[in-house]
Amino acid sequence: MRKAIIHLKKADPVMRAIIERVGAYRIEHREPSFETLVRSIVYQQLSGRVASVILGRLIAMLPDAKVTPQAILKLRPARMRKAGLSKQKTAYIRDLARKTLKGHVKFETLSELADHEVIEHLTQVKGIGVWTAHMFLIFALRRPDILATGDLGVRAAIRKAYQLEELPHPQQVEDMAVAWRPYASVAVWYLWRSLEGPAQI
């Protein structure tokens, strides 16, 4: 990781200032599992605090508090809704559970796939878009060079740090990130931290 920090500091003076202000790189990784992807779906478009409560309620409904495809599908959709999940997210999580059981989503082989193949593999599930796949690549598969161009936090951090008048478009983020390669994931983590908001998966 020291190599990544040195590279980012040398390549971009603004990123250097962010790194020096934020301090040590302390990303919290998760397992590349079904449970992690369920968590990602729950956290979509919600504050960390609200999502944590909903996830806790859902887990409490499951036998031995284990998030498995079988356990999810044994819950009635109406029961999942009582945990606080929207109708859409309930459908997304159940679709993920079905596709996992049928072998369409294979968590055990994801680490062998290239970044773009992981995105293609995961986005076959309803409700899992590129953003969620990017989060999975960064936090679960620990890929070093993922640029979450569609993440609002990343774009807001860039606007603030680089003193832009408006939020940068995804292509602008791509152009700015050329200097961060091949450690875009590390840069993204520092951008999140620069806003002092929790990065969640």
C-alpha atoms as a PDB file:
ATOM      1  CA  MET A   1       0.000   0.000   0.000  1.00  0.00           C
ATOM      2  CA  ARG A   2       2.959   2.283   0.618  1.00  0.00           C
ATOM      3  CA  LYS A   3       3.677   2.129  -3.125  1.00  0.00           C
ATOM      4  CA  ALA A   4       0.148   3.339  -3.921  1.00  0.00           C
ATOM      5  CA  ILE A   5       0.374   6.254  -1.471  1.00  0.00           C
ATOM      6  CA  ILE A   6       3.749   7.347  -2.839  1.00  0.00           C
ATOM      7  CA  HIS A   7       2.419   7.171  -6.403  1.00  0.00           C
ATOM      8  CA  LEU A   8      -0.694   9.234  -5.631  1.00  0.00           C
ATOM      9  CA  LYS A   9       1.268  11.883  -3.737  1.00  0.00           C
ATOM     10  CA  LYS A  10       3.750  12.288  -6.592  1.00  0.00           C
ATOM     11  CA  ALA A  11       1.143  12.176  -9.361  1.00  0.00           C
ATOM     12  CA  ASP A  12      -1.343  14.708  -7.989  1.00  0.00           C
ATOM     13  CA  PRO A  13      -0.650  17.592  -5.572  1.00  0.00           C
ATOM     14  CA  VAL A  14      -4.342  17.880  -4.626  1.00  0.00           C
ATOM     15  CA  MET A  15      -4.482  14.180  -3.782  1.00  0.00           C
ATOM     16  CA  ARG A  16      -1.257  14.617  -1.827  1.00  0.00           C
ATOM     17  CA  ALA A  17      -2.926  17.278   0.334  1.00  0.00           C
ATOM     18  CA  ILE A  18      -5.958  15.024   0.914  1.00  0.00           C
ATOM     19  CA  ILE A  19      -3.762  12.085   1.933  1.00  0.00           C
ATOM     20  CA  GLU A  20      -1.748  14.204   4.341  1.00  0.00           C
ATOM     21  CA  ARG A  21      -4.923  15.573   5.926  1.00  0.00           C
ATOM     22  CA  VAL A  22      -6.818  12.268   6.164  1.00  0.00           C
ATOM     23  CA  GLY A  23      -3.862  10.198   7.334  1.00  0.00           C
ATOM     24  CA  ALA A  24      -3.305   6.454   7.135  1.00  0.00           C
ATOM     25  CA  TYR A  25      -5.199   4.273   4.660  1.00  0.00           C
ATOM     26  CA  ARG A  26      -7.618   2.198   6.756  1.00  0.00           C
ATOM     27  CA  ILE A  27     -10.124   0.638   4.395  1.00  0.00           C
ATOM     28  CA  GLU A  28     -12.429  -1.982   5.934  1.00  0.00           C
ATOM     29  CA  HIS A  29     -12.765  -4.957   3.616  1.00  0.00           C
ATOM     30  CA  ARG A  30     -15.571  -7.518   3.556  1.00  0.00           C
ATOM     31  CA  GLU A  31     -15.826 -11.059   2.303  1.00  0.00           C
ATOM     32  CA  PRO A  32     -16.774 -11.514  -1.391  1.00  0.00           C
ATOM     33  CA  SER A  33     -19.971 -13.283  -0.409  1.00  0.00           C
ATOM     34  CA  PHE A  34     -23.734 -13.393  -0.869  1.00  0.00           C
ATOM     35  CA  GLU A  35     -24.175 -11.596   2.459  1.00  0.00           C
ATOM     36  CA  THR A  36     -21.934  -8.715   1.369  1.00  0.00           C
ATOM     37  CA  LEU A  37     -23.938  -8.197  -1.817  1.00  0.00           C
ATOM     38  CA  VAL A  38     -27.224  -8.294   0.134  1.00  0.00           C
ATOM     39  CA  ARG A  39     -25.730  -5.638   2.395  1.00  0.00           C
ATOM     40  CA  SER A  40     -24.850  -3.529  -0.657  1.00  0.00           C
ATOM     41  CA  ILE A  41     -28.430  -3.681  -1.914  1.00  0.00           C
ATOM     42  CA  VAL A  42     -29.791  -2.666   1.497  1.00  0.00           C
ATOM     43  CA  TYR A  43     -27.393   0.297   1.641  1.00  0.00           C
ATOM     44  CA  GLN A  44     -28.269   1.643  -1.822  1.00  0.00           C
ATOM     45  CA  GLN A  45     -29.446   5.279  -1.642  1.00  0.00           C
ATOM     46  CA  LEU A  46     -29.803   5.265   2.156  1.00  0.00           C
ATOM     47  CA  SER A  47     -27.794   6.864   4.943  1.00  0.00           C
ATOM     48  CA  GLY A  48     -25.461   4.459   6.706  1.00  0.00           C
ATOM     49  CA  ARG A  49     -27.402   4.721   9.964  1.00  0.00           C
ATOM     50  CA  VAL A  50     -30.812   3.928   8.448  1.00  0.00           C
ATOM     51  CA  ALA A  51     -29.429   1.090   6.308  1.00  0.00           C
ATOM     52  CA  SER A  52     -27.669  -0.443   9.320  1.00  0.00           C
ATOM     53  CA  VAL A  53     -30.947  -0.588  11.268  1.00  0.00           C
ATOM     54  CA  ILE A  54     -32.807  -2.217   8.349  1.00  0.00           C
ATOM     55  CA  LEU A  55     -30.027  -4.741   7.774  1.00  0.00           C
ATOM     56  CA  GLY A  56     -30.000  -5.589  11.481  1.00  0.00           C
ATOM     57  CA  ARG A  57     -33.746  -6.246  11.444  1.00  0.00           C
ATOM     58  CA  LEU A  58     -33.438  -8.449   8.361  1.00  0.00           C
ATOM     59  CA  ILE A  59     -30.596 -10.500   9.848  1.00  0.00           C
ATOM     60  CA  ALA A  60     -32.563 -10.952  13.087  1.00  0.00           C
ATOM     61  CA  MET A  61     -35.353 -12.615  11.079  1.00  0.00           C
ATOM     62  CA  LEU A  62     -33.015 -15.305   9.705  1.00  0.00           C
ATOM     63  CA  PRO A  63     -32.160 -18.627  11.394  1.00  0.00           C
ATOM     64  CA  ASP A  64     -28.912 -18.277  13.381  1.00  0.00           C
ATOM     65  CA  ALA A  65     -28.702 -14.735  11.912  1.00  0.00           C
ATOM     66  CA  LYS A  66     -27.034 -16.184   8.799  1.00  0.00           C
ATOM     67  CA  VAL A  67     -27.663 -14.453   5.480  1.00  0.00           C
ATOM     68  CA  THR A  68     -27.941 -17.268   2.934  1.00  0.00           C
ATOM     69  CA  PRO A  69     -29.977 -17.594  -0.278  1.00  0.00           C
ATOM     70  CA  GLN A  70     -32.038 -20.398   1.274  1.00  0.00           C
ATOM     71  CA  ALA A  71     -32.848 -18.382   4.394  1.00  0.00           C
ATOM     72  CA  ILE A  72     -33.823 -15.300   2.373  1.00  0.00           C
ATOM     73  CA  LEU A  73     -36.201 -17.257   0.155  1.00  0.00           C
ATOM     74  CA  LYS A  74     -37.884 -18.852   3.180  1.00  0.00           C
ATOM     75  CA  LEU A  75     -38.927 -15.369   4.313  1.00  0.00           C
ATOM     76  CA  ARG A  76     -42.130 -14.058   2.848  1.00  0.00           C
ATOM     77  CA  PRO A  77     -41.724 -10.758   0.955  1.00  0.00           C
ATOM     78  CA  ALA A  78     -44.186  -9.115   3.363  1.00  0.00           C
ATOM     79  CA  ARG A  79     -41.953 -10.106   6.294  1.00  0.00           C
ATOM     80  CA  MET A  80     -38.905  -8.608   4.561  1.00  0.00           C
ATOM     81  CA  ARG A  81     -40.883  -5.423   4.055  1.00  0.00           C
ATOM     82  CA  LYS A  82     -41.490  -5.298   7.827  1.00  0.00           C
ATOM     83  CA  ALA A  83     -37.720  -5.048   8.288  1.00  0.00           C
ATOM     84  CA  GLY A  84     -37.936  -1.737   6.440  1.00  0.00           C
ATOM     85  CA  LEU A  85     -36.975  -2.885   2.956  1.00  0.00           C
ATOM     86  CA  SER A  86     -38.739  -1.277   0.023  1.00  0.00           C
ATOM     87  CA  LYS A  87     -40.744  -3.428  -2.363  1.00  0.00           C
ATOM     88  CA  GLN A  88     -37.998  -3.000  -4.965  1.00  0.00           C
ATOM     89  CA  LYS A  89     -35.122  -3.955  -2.674  1.00  0.00           C
ATOM     90  CA  THR A  90     -37.053  -6.977  -1.427  1.00  0.00           C
ATOM     91  CA  ALA A  91     -37.425  -8.083  -5.062  1.00  0.00           C
ATOM     92  CA  TYR A  92     -33.730  -7.416  -5.765  1.00  0.00           C
ATOM     93  CA  ILE A  93     -32.513  -9.457  -2.781  1.00  0.00           C
ATOM     94  CA  ARG A  94     -34.830 -12.342  -3.650  1.00  0.00           C
ATOM     95  CA  ASP A  95     -33.658 -12.256  -7.284  1.00  0.00           C
ATOM     96  CA  LEU A  96     -30.057 -12.424  -6.082  1.00  0.00           C
ATOM     97  CA  ALA A  97     -30.918 -15.384  -3.834  1.00  0.00           C
ATOM     98  CA  ARG A  98     -32.613 -17.257  -6.699  1.00  0.00           C
ATOM     99  CA  LYS A  99     -29.796 -16.588  -9.157  1.00  0.00           C
ATOM    100  CA  THR A 100     -27.205 -17.668  -6.576  1.00  0.00           C
ATOM    101  CA  LEU A 101     -29.019 -20.953  -5.869  1.00  0.00           C
ATOM    102  CA  LYS A 102     -29.363 -21.638  -9.594  1.00  0.00           C
ATOM    103  CA  GLY A 103     -25.637 -21.037 -10.094  1.00  0.00           C
ATOM    104  CA  HIS A 104     -26.076 -17.941 -12.278  1.00  0.00           C
ATOM    105  CA  VAL A 105     -24.110 -15.939  -9.691  1.00  0.00           C
ATOM    106  CA  LYS A 106     -21.027 -17.790  -8.456  1.00  0.00           C
ATOM    107  CA  PHE A 107     -19.299 -15.995  -5.604  1.00  0.00           C
ATOM    108  CA  GLU A 108     -16.568 -18.634  -5.388  1.00  0.00           C
ATOM    109  CA  THR A 109     -15.295 -17.807  -8.890  1.00  0.00           C
ATOM    110  CA  LEU A 110     -15.522 -14.002  -8.829  1.00  0.00           C
ATOM    111  CA  SER A 111     -11.927 -13.580  -7.667  1.00  0.00           C
ATOM    112  CA  GLU A 112     -10.763 -15.276 -10.874  1.00  0.00           C
ATOM    113  CA  LEU A 113     -12.570 -12.809 -13.144  1.00  0.00           C
ATOM    114  CA  ALA A 114     -11.263  -9.541 -14.580  1.00  0.00           C
ATOM    115  CA  ASP A 115     -12.862  -6.326 -13.279  1.00  0.00           C
ATOM    116  CA  HIS A 116     -15.152  -5.893 -16.293  1.00  0.00           C
ATOM    117  CA  GLU A 117     -16.211  -9.549 -16.086  1.00  0.00           C
ATOM    118  CA  VAL A 118     -17.186  -9.139 -12.417  1.00  0.00           C
ATOM    119  CA  ILE A 119     -19.321  -6.126 -13.353  1.00  0.00           C
ATOM    120  CA  GLU A 120     -20.991  -8.115 -16.149  1.00  0.00           C
ATOM    121  CA  HIS A 121     -21.549 -11.090 -13.836  1.00  0.00           C
ATOM    122  CA  LEU A 122     -23.125  -9.096 -11.001  1.00  0.00           C
ATOM    123  CA  THR A 123     -25.262  -6.724 -13.049  1.00  0.00           C
ATOM    124  CA  GLN A 124     -27.327  -9.645 -14.375  1.00  0.00           C
ATOM    125  CA  VAL A 125     -29.147  -9.421 -11.030  1.00  0.00           C
ATOM    126  CA  LYS A 126     -32.080  -6.992 -10.801  1.00  0.00           C
ATOM    127  CA  GLY A 127     -31.136  -3.917  -8.810  1.00  0.00           C
ATOM    128  CA  ILE A 128     -27.394  -4.401  -9.077  1.00  0.00           C
ATOM    129  CA  GLY A 129     -25.916  -1.733 -11.282  1.00  0.00           C
ATOM    130  CA  VAL A 130     -22.380  -0.645 -12.035  1.00  0.00           C
ATOM    131  CA  TRP A 131     -22.133   1.370  -8.794  1.00  0.00           C
ATOM    132  CA  THR A 132     -22.887  -1.671  -6.618  1.00  0.00           C
ATOM    133  CA  ALA A 133     -20.490  -3.790  -8.673  1.00  0.00           C
ATOM    134  CA  HIS A 134     -17.786  -1.127  -8.199  1.00  0.00           C
ATOM    135  CA  MET A 135     -18.329  -1.184  -4.415  1.00  0.00           C
ATOM    136  CA  PHE A 136     -18.054  -4.972  -4.419  1.00  0.00           C
ATOM    137  CA  LEU A 137     -14.825  -4.796  -6.422  1.00  0.00           C
ATOM    138  CA  ILE A 138     -13.289  -2.254  -4.026  1.00  0.00           C
ATOM    139  CA  PHE A 139     -14.455  -3.529  -0.641  1.00  0.00           C
ATOM    140  CA  ALA A 140     -14.912  -7.283  -1.177  1.00  0.00           C
ATOM    141  CA  LEU A 141     -12.573  -8.292  -4.000  1.00  0.00           C
ATOM    142  CA  ARG A 142      -9.966  -5.684  -2.978  1.00  0.00           C
ATOM    143  CA  ARG A 143      -9.242  -4.599  -6.539  1.00  0.00           C
ATOM    144  CA  PRO A 144      -6.730  -1.704  -6.523  1.00  0.00           C
ATOM    145  CA  ASP A 145      -7.775   0.243  -9.608  1.00  0.00           C
ATOM    146  CA  ILE A 146     -11.562   0.753  -9.519  1.00  0.00           C
ATOM    147  CA  LEU A 147     -12.840   4.213 -10.321  1.00  0.00           C
ATOM    148  CA  ALA A 148     -16.389   4.753  -9.061  1.00  0.00           C
ATOM    149  CA  THR A 149     -17.264   7.461 -11.574  1.00  0.00           C
ATOM    150  CA  GLY A 150     -20.973   7.358 -10.750  1.00  0.00           C
ATOM    151  CA  ASP A 151     -20.545   7.738  -6.989  1.00  0.00           C
ATOM    152  CA  LEU A 152     -22.003  11.004  -5.724  1.00  0.00           C
ATOM    153  CA  GLY A 153     -19.555  11.154  -2.803  1.00  0.00           C
ATOM    154  CA  VAL A 154     -16.561  10.827  -5.117  1.00  0.00           C
ATOM    155  CA  ARG A 155     -17.876  13.524  -7.435  1.00  0.00           C
ATOM    156  CA  ALA A 156     -18.701  15.855  -4.524  1.00  0.00           C
ATOM    157  CA  ALA A 157     -15.233  15.336  -3.048  1.00  0.00           C
ATOM    158  CA  ILE A 158     -13.589  16.115  -6.382  1.00  0.00           C
ATOM    159  CA  ARG A 159     -15.676  19.254  -6.778  1.00  0.00           C
ATOM    160  CA  LYS A 160     -14.634  20.444  -3.313  1.00  0.00           C
ATOM    161  CA  ALA A 161     -10.958  19.453  -3.481  1.00  0.00           C
ATOM    162  CA  TYR A 162     -10.346  20.714  -7.011  1.00  0.00           C
ATOM    163  CA  GLN A 163     -12.549  23.808  -6.533  1.00  0.00           C
ATOM    164  CA  LEU A 164     -14.874  23.099  -9.455  1.00  0.00           C
ATOM    165  CA  GLU A 165     -18.046  25.106  -9.992  1.00  0.00           C
ATOM    166  CA  GLU A 166     -20.182  22.030 -10.615  1.00  0.00           C
ATOM    167  CA  LEU A 167     -20.093  18.314  -9.924  1.00  0.00           C
ATOM    168  CA  PRO A 168     -17.818  16.670 -12.499  1.00  0.00           C
ATOM    169  CA  HIS A 169     -19.403  14.354 -15.047  1.00  0.00           C
ATOM    170  CA  PRO A 170     -18.233  10.711 -15.069  1.00  0.00           C
ATOM    171  CA  GLN A 171     -16.018  11.367 -18.110  1.00  0.00           C
ATOM    172  CA  GLN A 172     -14.376  14.294 -16.306  1.00  0.00           C
ATOM    173  CA  VAL A 173     -13.694  11.991 -13.368  1.00  0.00           C
ATOM    174  CA  GLU A 174     -12.147   9.478 -15.784  1.00  0.00           C
ATOM    175  CA  ASP A 175      -9.916  12.186 -17.256  1.00  0.00           C
ATOM    176  CA  MET A 176      -8.778  13.426 -13.845  1.00  0.00           C
ATOM    177  CA  ALA A 177      -8.085   9.887 -12.660  1.00  0.00           C
ATOM    178  CA  VAL A 178      -5.500   9.140 -15.327  1.00  0.00           C
ATOM    179  CA  ALA A 179      -2.842  10.334 -12.883  1.00  0.00           C
ATOM    180  CA  TRP A 180      -4.136   8.007 -10.136  1.00  0.00           C
ATOM    181  CA  ARG A 181      -3.836   4.791 -12.144  1.00  0.00           C
ATOM    182  CA  PRO A 182      -3.202   2.001 -11.249  1.00  0.00           C
ATOM    183  CA  TYR A 183      -4.415   2.888  -7.737  1.00  0.00           C
ATOM    184  CA  ALA A 184      -7.798   4.504  -8.382  1.00  0.00           C
ATOM    185  CA  SER A 185      -9.441   2.512  -5.558  1.00  0.00           C
ATOM    186  CA  VAL A 186      -7.072   4.086  -3.035  1.00  0.00           C
ATOM    187  CA  ALA A 187      -7.742   7.557  -4.443  1.00  0.00           C
ATOM    188  CA  VAL A 188     -11.502   6.919  -4.256  1.00  0.00           C
ATOM    189  CA  TRP A 189     -11.220   5.888  -0.589  1.00  0.00           C
ATOM    190  CA  TYR A 190      -9.298   9.084   0.217  1.00  0.00           C
ATOM    191  CA  LEU A 191     -11.879  11.182  -1.613  1.00  0.00           C
ATOM    192  CA  TRP A 192     -14.649   9.651   0.508  1.00  0.00           C
ATOM    193  CA  ARG A 193     -12.653  10.248   3.680  1.00  0.00           C
ATOM    194  CA  SER A 194     -12.005  13.841   2.667  1.00  0.00           C
ATOM    195  CA  LEU A 195     -15.736  14.462   3.072  1.00  0.00           C
ATOM    196  CA  GLU A 196     -15.631  12.811   6.504  1.00  0.00           C
ATOM    197  CA  GLY A 197     -18.561  10.611   5.583  1.00  0.00           C
ATOM    198  CA  PRO A 198     -18.583   6.816   5.988  1.00  0.00           C
ATOM    199  CA  ALA A 199     -17.988   4.806   2.865  1.00  0.00           C
ATOM    200  CA  GLN A 200     -20.348   1.853   3.070  1.00  0.00           C
ATOM    201  CA  ILE A 201     -20.894  -1.379   1.249  1.00  0.00           C
END
